[in-house]
Protein backbone atom coordinates (compact mmCIF):
# COMPACT_ATOMS: atom_id res chain seq x y z
CA MET A 1 -45.77 123.06 -10.62
CA PRO A 2 -43.62 119.98 -10.14
CA ALA A 3 -43.74 117.44 -12.94
CA THR A 4 -45.46 114.14 -12.28
CA PRO A 5 -42.77 111.42 -12.05
CA GLU A 6 -42.93 108.64 -14.59
CA PRO A 7 -42.82 105.01 -13.30
CA ASP A 8 -40.09 102.71 -14.47
CA PRO A 9 -41.49 101.04 -17.63
CA GLU A 10 -40.01 97.62 -16.82
CA ARG A 11 -41.37 97.55 -13.29
CA GLN A 12 -44.70 98.89 -14.50
CA ALA A 13 -44.94 96.04 -16.98
CA LEU A 14 -44.20 93.53 -14.24
CA ASP A 15 -46.81 95.07 -11.95
CA ARG A 16 -49.36 94.92 -14.75
CA ALA A 17 -48.50 91.28 -15.40
CA VAL A 18 -49.21 90.50 -11.73
CA ALA A 19 -52.54 92.32 -11.93
CA GLU A 20 -53.56 90.44 -15.08
CA ALA A 21 -52.55 87.12 -13.51
CA VAL A 22 -54.70 87.93 -10.48
CA ARG A 23 -57.67 88.71 -12.73
CA ALA A 24 -57.27 85.43 -14.61
CA ARG A 25 -56.86 83.39 -11.43
CA LEU A 26 -59.96 84.91 -9.86
CA ALA A 27 -61.93 84.07 -12.97
CA ALA A 28 -60.78 80.44 -12.76
CA GLY A 29 -62.47 80.03 -9.35
CA PRO A 30 -61.41 77.98 -6.30
CA HIS A 31 -59.77 74.57 -6.25
CA PRO A 32 -62.38 71.83 -5.72
CA THR A 33 -60.96 70.31 -2.51
CA PRO A 34 -58.55 71.35 0.28
CA GLU A 35 -55.94 68.75 -0.68
CA ILE A 36 -55.91 69.79 -4.35
CA GLU A 37 -55.48 73.39 -3.24
CA ALA A 38 -52.58 72.40 -0.97
CA ILE A 39 -50.84 70.41 -3.72
CA ALA A 40 -51.23 73.33 -6.13
CA LEU A 41 -49.82 75.76 -3.55
CA ARG A 42 -46.85 73.50 -2.84
CA ARG A 43 -46.06 73.31 -6.55
CA ALA A 44 -46.46 77.08 -6.95
CA LEU A 45 -43.96 77.72 -4.13
CA ALA A 46 -41.40 75.16 -5.33
CA GLY A 47 -37.96 76.69 -5.88
CA LEU A 48 -38.81 80.10 -4.45
CA ALA A 49 -36.56 81.86 -1.97
CA PRO A 50 -38.14 82.52 1.49
CA ALA A 51 -38.97 86.16 0.68
CA GLU A 52 -40.41 85.17 -2.70
CA ALA A 53 -42.48 82.38 -1.14
CA ALA A 54 -43.84 84.74 1.52
CA ALA A 55 -44.99 87.21 -1.13
CA ALA A 56 -46.52 84.47 -3.26
CA ARG A 57 -48.35 82.96 -0.28
CA CYS A 58 -49.77 86.38 0.53
CA VAL A 59 -51.17 86.84 -2.98
CA LEU A 60 -52.46 83.27 -3.29
CA GLY A 61 -54.02 83.38 0.17
CA ARG A 62 -56.02 86.46 -0.71
CA LEU A 63 -57.10 84.85 -3.97
CA ASP A 64 -58.29 81.88 -1.93
CA SER A 65 -60.19 84.23 0.36
CA ALA A 66 -61.86 85.92 -2.62
CA THR A 67 -62.99 82.68 -4.28
CA GLY A 68 -63.26 80.15 -1.45
CA ALA A 69 -65.61 79.55 1.47
CA ALA A 70 -66.20 82.38 3.95
CA LEU A 71 -63.78 82.42 6.89
CA THR A 72 -64.66 82.87 10.56
CA VAL A 73 -61.96 83.14 13.22
CA TRP A 74 -61.93 82.66 16.97
CA GLY A 75 -59.05 83.73 19.19
CA PRO A 76 -56.21 86.25 18.95
CA ALA A 77 -53.73 83.92 17.25
CA SER A 78 -56.31 83.03 14.60
CA GLN A 79 -57.02 86.70 13.94
CA VAL A 80 -53.33 87.38 13.29
CA LEU A 81 -52.65 84.20 11.32
CA GLY A 82 -55.87 84.50 9.35
CA SER A 83 -55.15 88.12 8.41
CA ASP A 84 -51.63 87.22 7.34
CA ARG A 85 -52.80 84.37 5.12
CA PHE A 86 -56.22 85.48 3.89
CA GLY A 87 -56.32 89.26 4.39
CA LEU A 88 -58.81 91.27 6.44
CA THR A 89 -61.92 89.41 5.29
CA ALA A 90 -62.68 87.07 8.20
CA ARG A 91 -65.65 87.41 10.50
CA MET A 92 -64.82 87.34 14.23
CA ALA A 93 -66.63 84.80 16.40
CA ALA A 94 -67.21 85.39 20.10
CA THR A 95 -67.03 81.69 20.97
CA PRO A 96 -65.67 78.46 19.49
CA GLU A 97 -69.25 77.25 19.16
CA ALA A 98 -70.12 80.20 16.94
CA ALA A 99 -67.06 79.59 14.77
CA LEU A 100 -67.89 75.91 14.33
CA ALA A 101 -71.50 76.79 13.52
CA ALA A 102 -70.23 79.00 10.70
CA ALA A 103 -68.11 76.12 9.39
CA ARG A 104 -71.19 73.89 9.31
CA LYS A 105 -72.90 76.38 6.99
CA ALA A 106 -70.51 75.80 4.07
CA GLY A 107 -67.87 78.04 5.60
CA ARG A 108 -64.46 77.67 7.20
CA ALA A 109 -63.38 78.35 10.78
CA LEU A 110 -59.90 79.06 12.08
CA LEU A 111 -59.73 78.51 15.84
CA ASP A 112 -56.98 78.97 18.40
CA LEU A 113 -55.36 76.07 20.21
CA ALA A 114 -55.82 77.49 23.69
CA PRO A 115 -56.08 75.88 27.15
CA ALA A 116 -59.36 77.72 27.68
CA SER A 117 -61.25 75.45 25.27
CA ALA A 118 -61.12 71.85 24.08
CA TRP A 119 -63.32 72.69 21.09
CA TRP A 120 -61.30 70.27 18.95
CA GLY A 121 -62.59 67.36 21.04
CA ARG A 122 -66.11 67.97 19.74
CA LEU A 123 -64.99 66.90 16.28
CA LEU A 124 -64.87 63.31 17.55
CA ALA A 125 -68.67 63.38 17.67
CA GLU A 126 -69.06 65.45 14.52
CA PRO A 127 -67.22 63.65 11.70
CA ARG A 128 -68.69 65.94 9.04
CA LEU A 129 -66.37 68.70 10.27
CA ARG A 130 -62.66 67.97 9.82
CA VAL A 131 -59.38 69.77 10.37
CA VAL A 132 -58.08 70.67 6.88
CA GLY A 133 -55.36 73.18 7.77
CA ALA A 134 -53.06 74.20 10.62
CA LEU A 135 -51.33 77.57 10.89
CA PRO A 136 -48.52 78.33 10.75
CA ASP A 137 -47.97 75.57 8.21
CA HIS A 138 -44.36 76.23 7.26
CA GLY A 139 -41.16 76.15 9.28
CA PRO A 140 -40.30 73.99 12.29
CA GLY A 141 -42.84 75.38 14.79
CA LEU A 142 -46.01 73.75 16.05
CA PRO A 143 -49.40 75.03 14.85
CA ARG A 144 -51.21 77.64 16.92
CA ALA A 145 -54.60 77.42 15.18
CA LEU A 146 -56.57 74.81 13.24
CA LEU A 147 -58.70 75.38 10.15
CA VAL A 148 -61.97 73.41 10.17
CA GLN A 149 -64.29 72.78 7.24
CA ALA A 150 -67.09 70.41 6.25
CA ALA A 151 -64.72 68.44 4.02
CA GLY A 152 -62.72 65.25 4.27
CA PRO A 153 -59.02 66.09 3.85
CA GLY A 154 -57.04 63.81 1.55
CA PRO A 155 -53.29 63.21 1.44
CA THR A 156 -51.06 65.84 -0.17
CA GLY A 157 -47.68 64.15 0.09
CA GLY A 158 -46.60 66.19 3.11
CA ASP A 159 -49.08 66.18 5.99
CA ARG A 160 -49.63 66.02 9.71
CA THR A 161 -52.63 64.35 11.31
CA PHE A 162 -54.51 65.43 14.44
CA TRP A 163 -55.58 62.82 16.99
CA VAL A 164 -57.55 63.26 20.22
CA THR A 165 -57.67 61.04 23.29
CA ASP A 166 -59.22 61.14 26.75
CA SER A 167 -56.46 58.93 28.18
CA PRO A 168 -55.31 59.99 31.67
CA LEU A 169 -51.78 58.75 30.92
CA ALA A 170 -48.97 61.27 30.84
CA GLU A 171 -48.26 62.71 27.42
CA ALA A 172 -44.81 61.11 27.32
CA ARG A 173 -46.32 57.65 27.90
CA ILE A 174 -48.90 58.20 25.18
CA VAL A 175 -46.18 59.30 22.77
CA ARG A 176 -44.20 56.16 23.66
CA ARG A 177 -47.22 53.90 23.14
CA LEU A 178 -47.97 55.44 19.76
CA GLY A 179 -44.30 55.15 18.83
CA GLU A 180 -44.35 51.45 19.62
CA ALA A 181 -47.24 51.15 17.16
CA GLY A 182 -45.20 52.92 14.47
CA LEU A 183 -46.63 56.43 14.81
CA ALA A 184 -44.50 59.52 15.47
CA ALA A 185 -46.51 61.82 17.76
CA ASP A 186 -46.08 65.25 19.34
CA PRO A 187 -48.35 66.58 22.10
CA LEU A 188 -50.04 69.86 21.21
CA ILE A 189 -52.43 70.81 23.98
CA ALA A 190 -54.55 69.42 26.81
CA ALA A 191 -57.88 70.85 27.97
CA GLY A 192 -61.14 69.64 29.45
CA GLY A 193 -59.80 66.16 30.18
CA LEU A 194 -58.76 65.67 26.55
CA LYS A 195 -55.35 65.68 24.89
CA LEU A 196 -54.57 66.65 21.30
CA PHE A 197 -51.60 65.12 19.48
CA MET A 198 -50.04 65.70 16.09
CA LEU A 199 -49.08 62.57 14.15
CA ALA A 200 -46.46 62.68 11.41
CA GLY A 201 -47.84 61.98 7.94
CA TYR A 202 -51.35 61.32 6.72
CA VAL A 203 -53.04 58.84 9.07
CA GLN A 204 -56.57 57.64 8.31
CA ALA A 205 -59.16 57.20 11.04
CA ASP A 206 -59.23 53.42 10.57
CA ASP A 207 -55.44 52.99 10.52
CA ALA A 208 -54.65 49.68 12.22
CA ARG A 209 -51.77 51.30 14.11
CA LEU A 210 -54.35 53.16 16.18
CA ASN A 211 -56.01 49.95 17.36
CA GLY A 212 -55.49 49.76 21.08
CA ALA A 213 -54.24 53.34 21.34
CA PRO A 214 -54.60 54.86 24.81
CA GLY A 215 -57.99 56.21 25.78
CA ASP A 216 -61.63 55.14 25.91
CA LEU A 217 -62.62 58.02 23.63
CA SER A 218 -60.12 58.76 20.90
CA GLY A 219 -59.81 59.31 17.17
CA VAL A 220 -58.47 61.22 14.21
CA ILE A 221 -60.11 64.62 13.64
CA GLY A 222 -58.40 65.58 10.39
CA ALA A 223 -55.11 66.29 8.67
CA ALA A 224 -53.31 69.34 7.31
CA PRO A 225 -50.55 69.99 4.79
CA VAL A 226 -47.08 71.23 5.67
CA PHE A 227 -45.14 73.46 3.29
């Protein structure tokens, strides 16, 4: 019979060190707030090469899934992005309403930014639910899904803020108006008579620069870190 091959002792020791670190981190439990978790993740990834950061994000995301609030996803992009970040632990929701209902019950919901639904506009009337994440959250691209939780996101030192308006003005004019007030804005999506914009930095709901912003119904619905 063929002999059983022996693993490389050095690599085996490294693998075991990873396993022990995972055990210890699980025992420590989740970070208390989304912004503290984001700051900790940013520090953990500091100085890593892209391949190293991708592997670390994978491990840390699954640790977050194991210790944090339950995740519900809606939409194909959210299924892919959620699996990549958190593993195959999310519950699928048939509608945005079902996903948001799960978030209200001490959970988290990752929802697609899709023209079929302006679900994000409902957060204007439901301030208890806030955007606390946006995926993908690294690289130059725009987010394709937003993470919603019953938590107020705080600043992390590298953020983008999400702002909704019902203004009928063209997106370019809205961007220009916001720019004149000192806010750098990018249009993300329009649906159901509402428009969603991404503002650079952490912008609070009562920021004076938003006074007189276009729209009769408008407001900040949360903020998310960028890595």
